[in-house]
Protein backbone atom coordinates (compact mmCIF):
# COMPACT_ATOMS: atom_id res chain seq x y z
CA MET A 1 -0.05 0.00 -0.33
CA GLU A 2 1.44 2.67 -1.29
CA LEU A 3 1.13 6.91 0.10
CA ARG A 4 -0.03 7.87 -3.32
CA GLN A 5 -2.82 5.16 -3.83
CA ILE A 6 -3.84 6.45 -0.02
CA LYS A 7 -4.24 10.28 -1.40
CA TYR A 8 -5.79 9.08 -4.99
CA PHE A 9 -8.35 7.21 -2.86
CA MET A 10 -9.26 10.20 -0.43
CA GLU A 11 -10.06 12.66 -3.25
CA VAL A 12 -11.94 10.05 -5.54
CA ALA A 13 -13.91 9.39 -2.14
CA LYS A 14 -14.37 13.37 -1.72
CA GLU A 15 -14.96 14.57 -5.35
CA GLU A 16 -17.16 11.07 -6.18
CA HIS A 17 -15.75 11.41 -9.60
CA VAL A 18 -12.63 10.13 -11.15
CA THR A 19 -11.95 12.60 -13.81
CA GLU A 20 -12.41 15.60 -11.12
CA ALA A 21 -10.27 13.77 -8.77
CA ALA A 22 -7.75 13.91 -11.44
CA TYR A 23 -7.84 17.21 -12.01
CA ARG A 24 -7.15 18.10 -8.66
CA LEU A 25 -4.57 15.89 -8.20
CA HIS A 26 -2.73 17.34 -11.54
CA VAL A 27 -2.53 13.58 -12.50
CA ALA A 28 -4.53 11.97 -15.51
CA GLN A 29 -7.55 10.02 -14.98
CA SER A 30 -5.92 6.75 -16.20
CA ALA A 31 -3.35 7.03 -13.28
CA VAL A 32 -6.18 7.66 -10.65
CA SER A 33 -8.28 4.51 -11.98
CA ARG A 34 -5.09 2.08 -12.15
CA GLN A 35 -3.85 3.45 -8.41
CA ILE A 36 -7.13 2.96 -7.42
CA ALA A 37 -7.57 -0.69 -8.63
CA LYS A 38 -4.16 -1.19 -7.25
CA LEU A 39 -5.38 -0.63 -3.77
CA GLU A 40 -8.93 -2.75 -3.62
CA ASP A 41 -6.51 -5.64 -5.37
CA GLU A 42 -4.63 -5.16 -2.06
CA LEU A 43 -6.87 -5.17 0.76
CA GLY A 44 -9.47 -7.52 -1.35
CA VAL A 45 -12.68 -5.73 -1.14
CA ASP A 46 -14.41 -3.19 -3.75
CA LEU A 47 -13.91 0.50 -2.42
CA PHE A 48 -16.52 2.38 -5.04
CA LEU A 49 -19.59 1.42 -6.44
CA ARG A 50 -19.77 2.73 -10.44
CA GLU A 51 -22.45 5.03 -11.37
CA GLY A 52 -21.73 6.07 -14.67
CA ARG A 53 -18.89 8.58 -14.56
CA ASN A 54 -19.93 9.51 -10.96
CA VAL A 55 -18.43 7.21 -8.03
CA LYS A 56 -19.74 6.48 -4.83
CA LEU A 57 -18.11 4.55 -1.57
CA THR A 58 -18.85 0.91 -0.54
CA TYR A 59 -19.82 0.11 2.58
CA ALA A 60 -16.34 -1.35 3.10
CA GLY A 61 -14.73 2.17 1.22
CA LYS A 62 -16.22 3.98 4.25
CA ILE A 63 -14.92 2.05 6.95
CA PHE A 64 -11.31 2.44 5.38
CA LEU A 65 -12.18 5.73 5.10
CA GLN A 66 -12.79 6.32 8.29
CA HIS A 67 -9.74 4.86 9.83
CA ILE A 68 -7.53 6.21 6.77
CA GLU A 69 -8.57 9.70 7.39
CA SER A 70 -7.00 9.52 11.20
CA ALA A 71 -4.09 7.68 9.90
CA MET A 72 -3.34 10.72 7.32
CA ASN A 73 -3.82 13.22 10.03
CA GLU A 74 -1.18 11.47 11.88
CA ILE A 75 0.87 11.32 9.24
CA ASP A 76 0.57 15.30 8.59
CA LYS A 77 1.46 15.90 12.17
CA ALA A 78 4.37 13.43 11.80
CA VAL A 79 5.58 15.81 8.80
CA ALA A 80 4.85 18.78 10.65
CA ALA A 81 6.88 18.07 13.77
CA VAL A 82 9.76 16.61 11.55
CA ASN A 83 10.03 19.86 9.61
CA ASP A 84 9.55 22.19 12.77
CA TYR A 85 12.30 20.44 14.34
CA LEU A 86 14.50 21.15 10.81
CA ASN A 87 13.31 24.49 10.58
CA PRO A 88 16.10 26.68 13.55
CA ALA A 89 13.60 29.23 13.94
CA THR A 90 10.76 27.28 15.16
CA GLY A 91 12.18 24.01 16.32
CA LYS A 92 12.43 22.83 19.86
CA ILE A 93 15.63 22.38 21.99
CA ARG A 94 15.91 19.45 24.12
CA LEU A 95 17.95 20.94 26.94
CA GLY A 96 19.40 18.88 30.15
CA PHE A 97 20.55 21.25 33.33
CA PRO A 98 21.91 21.00 36.84
CA ASN A 99 19.78 22.10 39.77
CA SER A 100 22.20 24.42 40.85
CA LEU A 101 22.04 26.54 37.65
CA ALA A 102 18.41 26.60 38.01
CA THR A 103 17.82 29.66 39.48
CA LYS A 104 19.73 31.90 38.03
CA THR A 105 22.62 30.97 35.20
CA LEU A 106 19.61 29.44 33.17
CA PRO A 107 16.60 31.80 33.34
CA ARG A 108 18.78 34.86 32.43
CA VAL A 109 20.14 33.23 28.89
CA ILE A 110 16.88 31.56 28.02
CA SER A 111 15.59 34.82 28.15
CA ALA A 112 18.13 36.82 26.33
CA PHE A 113 17.69 33.71 23.49
CA ARG A 114 14.19 33.70 23.39
CA LYS A 115 14.23 37.93 22.90
CA GLN A 116 16.02 37.30 19.68
CA TYR A 117 14.22 33.92 18.71
CA SER A 118 10.58 34.07 20.25
CA ASP A 119 9.22 31.10 18.71
CA ILE A 120 11.14 28.03 19.64
CA GLY A 121 10.34 26.21 21.93
CA PHE A 122 11.95 24.45 24.92
CA ASP A 123 12.15 20.79 26.39
CA PHE A 124 14.18 20.85 30.06
CA HIS A 125 15.59 17.85 31.27
CA GLN A 126 17.28 18.39 35.16
CA GLY A 127 19.78 16.04 36.69
CA SER A 128 23.26 15.28 37.62
CA ASN A 129 26.84 15.62 35.21
CA LYS A 130 26.53 12.44 35.00
CA GLU A 131 22.56 11.85 34.28
CA LEU A 132 22.90 14.96 32.03
CA ARG A 133 26.26 12.76 30.07
CA ASP A 134 24.22 9.76 29.88
CA LEU A 135 21.09 11.92 28.27
CA VAL A 136 23.10 13.07 25.64
CA GLN A 137 25.43 10.30 24.88
CA GLU A 138 22.02 8.00 24.16
CA GLY A 139 20.61 10.74 22.19
CA GLU A 140 17.88 11.96 24.38
CA ILE A 141 19.05 15.25 24.53
CA ASP A 142 21.13 17.26 22.36
CA ILE A 143 22.83 19.51 24.85
CA ALA A 144 23.07 20.00 28.50
CA PHE A 145 24.42 23.20 31.03
CA VAL A 146 26.72 21.37 33.62
CA SER A 147 29.00 22.45 36.26
CA PRO A 148 31.83 21.54 36.98
CA VAL A 149 32.70 21.21 33.20
CA PRO A 150 34.18 17.66 32.33
CA GLU A 151 37.52 16.86 30.68
CA LYS A 152 36.58 15.96 26.65
CA ALA A 153 36.21 12.66 25.71
CA ALA A 154 35.62 10.59 22.76
CA ASP A 155 31.85 11.34 22.20
CA ILE A 156 31.43 14.40 24.23
CA ASP A 157 32.74 17.89 23.88
CA THR A 158 32.45 20.55 26.06
CA HIS A 159 32.71 24.01 26.22
CA VAL A 160 33.54 26.49 29.55
CA PHE A 161 31.75 29.61 29.93
CA PHE A 162 32.43 30.91 32.92
CA SER A 163 33.91 29.74 36.41
CA GLU A 164 32.86 31.14 39.73
CA ARG A 165 34.37 31.06 43.49
CA MET A 166 32.64 29.11 45.94
CA ARG A 167 31.35 30.78 49.35
CA VAL A 168 30.88 29.31 52.28
CA LEU A 169 27.26 29.58 53.87
CA LEU A 170 26.74 29.41 57.90
CA PRO A 171 23.56 30.13 60.08
CA SER A 172 23.77 33.68 60.69
CA GLN A 173 24.23 32.82 64.87
CA HIS A 174 27.74 30.46 63.76
CA PRO A 175 30.72 31.65 65.18
CA LEU A 176 32.13 32.65 62.46
CA ALA A 177 29.37 34.62 60.88
CA LYS A 178 31.15 37.75 61.44
CA GLN A 179 34.57 37.10 59.46
CA GLU A 180 35.25 38.44 56.65
CA THR A 181 36.71 35.51 55.10
CA VAL A 182 36.63 31.85 55.87
CA ASN A 183 39.42 29.28 56.54
CA LEU A 184 37.54 26.25 54.56
CA ARG A 185 39.83 24.27 57.84
CA GLU A 186 37.96 26.46 60.58
CA LEU A 187 34.55 24.21 59.62
CA LYS A 188 36.30 20.90 60.07
CA ASP A 189 34.24 20.28 63.38
CA ASP A 190 30.78 21.59 61.76
CA GLN A 191 28.14 19.53 59.92
CA PHE A 192 27.93 19.92 56.31
CA VAL A 193 24.46 19.96 54.24
CA LEU A 194 25.74 18.61 50.90
CA PHE A 195 24.58 17.58 47.18
CA ARG A 196 23.12 13.65 47.52
CA THR A 197 26.11 11.24 46.08
CA GLY A 198 26.40 11.20 42.50
CA TYR A 199 26.66 15.48 41.92
CA ASP A 200 29.81 17.02 41.42
CA MET A 201 28.94 20.09 43.41
CA ARG A 202 29.27 17.54 46.42
CA LYS A 203 32.48 16.26 45.04
CA LEU A 204 34.16 19.93 44.47
CA VAL A 205 33.36 20.49 48.22
CA LEU A 206 34.67 16.78 49.43
CA GLU A 207 37.89 17.50 47.36
CA ALA A 208 38.27 21.51 48.79
CA CYS A 209 37.84 19.56 52.40
CA GLN A 210 40.80 16.95 51.57
CA GLN A 211 43.07 20.02 50.55
CA VAL A 212 42.95 21.16 54.21
CA ASN A 213 43.34 18.07 55.44
CA PHE A 214 39.84 16.91 56.68
CA GLU A 215 37.05 15.08 55.88
CA PRO A 216 33.54 16.66 56.28
CA HIS A 217 31.01 15.17 58.94
CA VAL A 218 27.47 15.20 56.23
CA GLY A 219 24.86 15.56 57.97
CA PHE A 220 21.61 16.00 55.33
CA GLU A 221 21.85 15.44 51.84
CA SER A 222 19.40 16.94 49.36
CA GLU A 223 19.39 17.49 45.54
CA ASP A 224 17.59 20.64 45.80
CA ILE A 225 19.56 24.27 46.60
CA TYR A 226 16.12 25.63 48.56
CA THR A 227 16.92 22.53 50.61
CA ILE A 228 20.35 22.92 51.05
CA LYS A 229 19.34 26.62 51.80
CA GLY A 230 16.82 26.04 54.14
CA LEU A 231 18.43 23.49 56.40
CA VAL A 232 21.44 25.80 56.75
CA GLU A 233 18.78 28.74 57.66
CA ALA A 234 17.49 26.28 60.38
CA GLY A 235 21.19 25.95 61.76
CA LEU A 236 21.17 22.34 60.82
CA GLY A 237 24.74 22.86 59.03
CA VAL A 238 27.00 24.73 56.91
CA THR A 239 27.28 23.93 52.66
CA LEU A 240 29.49 25.84 50.25
CA LEU A 241 27.26 26.89 47.08
CA PRO A 242 28.55 29.26 44.03
CA GLU A 243 28.72 32.83 44.45
CA THR A 244 25.66 33.20 42.14
CA LEU A 245 23.24 31.08 44.45
CA LEU A 246 23.91 33.74 46.91
CA VAL A 247 24.18 37.15 45.55
CA ASP A 248 20.78 38.96 46.50
CA GLN A 249 19.37 34.94 47.72
CA THR A 250 21.06 34.71 50.50
CA PRO A 251 18.25 33.66 52.81
CA HIS A 252 17.06 35.17 55.89
CA GLY A 253 19.28 33.97 58.96
CA THR A 254 22.17 33.03 56.88
CA VAL A 255 25.50 35.01 56.35
CA SER A 256 27.43 33.82 52.92
CA LEU A 257 31.31 34.64 53.27
CA PRO A 258 34.37 34.19 50.76
CA ILE A 259 36.55 31.20 51.53
CA SER A 260 40.12 32.15 51.58
CA ILE A 261 42.31 28.57 51.72
CA PRO A 262 41.44 26.93 49.47
CA MET A 263 40.61 28.82 46.56
CA ILE A 264 37.17 27.29 45.39
CA ALA A 265 36.15 27.59 42.03
CA ARG A 266 33.46 26.03 39.69
CA THR A 267 33.16 26.12 35.99
CA VAL A 268 30.09 26.21 34.20
CA GLY A 269 29.47 25.39 30.20
CA VAL A 270 28.07 22.95 28.10
CA ILE A 271 28.48 19.68 26.48
CA ILE A 272 27.21 17.97 23.43
CA THR A 273 27.86 14.82 21.47
CA THR A 274 30.32 14.48 19.13
CA VAL A 275 28.76 11.08 17.53
CA ARG A 276 26.05 13.34 15.66
CA GLU A 277 25.29 16.37 14.03
CA LEU A 278 23.29 19.30 16.55
CA PRO A 279 19.57 19.72 14.36
CA PRO A 280 19.54 23.25 13.08
CA SER A 281 17.42 24.73 16.55
CA GLU A 282 19.97 23.13 19.02
CA LYS A 283 22.95 24.43 17.01
CA MET A 284 21.68 28.09 16.58
CA PHE A 285 21.30 27.90 20.32
CA TYR A 286 24.57 26.29 20.64
CA HIS A 287 26.56 29.33 18.95
CA PHE A 288 24.48 32.04 20.71
CA LEU A 289 25.66 30.56 24.10
CA ILE A 290 29.02 31.04 22.73
CA ASP A 291 28.46 34.33 21.71
CA TYR A 292 26.49 35.48 24.31
CA TYR A 293 29.31 34.51 27.13
CA LYS A 294 31.84 35.78 25.15
CA ARG A 295 30.23 39.15 25.17
CA LEU A 296 29.49 38.80 29.32
CA ASN A 297 33.17 38.07 29.90
CA GLN A 298 34.58 40.79 27.66
CA PHE A 299 31.96 43.33 29.67
CA SER A 300 32.90 41.62 32.72
CA LEU A 301 36.97 42.41 32.13
């Protein structure tokens, strides 16, 4: 069964006249009659009753038309969806991101992008760096924000947009809250509130503590920024967070301080696969990101 046969059948059913259908289809009448006959042979049933120059659907023809119209509607939707996907100005971007970029970095860049490309949609996926990398490798998404940015690999390309310092977040009643800066080792006896195992932000904190010769006591774990901040605000521990998550976002009842020793920073960027080409919308977004952060970094200098 060919799509051409289906289209010819539907046009003849609509016009109830083979010649008129052929005229509408811009093909010869014999071509329409031949394709209808092939379709009837394949189905093993007559689809039309011939009444002189006119035709009428048989009962079987009416049943077939009812179902084939639904099928053709779905085919048209599928074709439109693929066309949208391939159109860089109206497609949809499948984008991954970690929780630590959800409150400030991501909304800012999406807002800037949508000002230029208002018809492009987004399909968001949230997870840890490992989860996002797996989604990119499996083709579930095409591009993902990550932090810290991992090393490049054979199947993954990376691009670093910026780096930022980490700060300590303390309850306002903490003995160190009034200091100008904090040596991380001064927190060796404190209880920490960290991201769950598997999140690179947790790994970053653990490695920083190892640099000053202690292993933090982890009292609470979460994958949600607001939960982590809330636990610190409740006096249940201390944590380390990127400065973008604390500037203008330090919870009431907490204090955010720079860390003097060691120097702790995280990189922020994206990962994409190297085993397949980015679709048009994603490619446009990727280049937008590079230009956006290039201009932003020049301005900050």
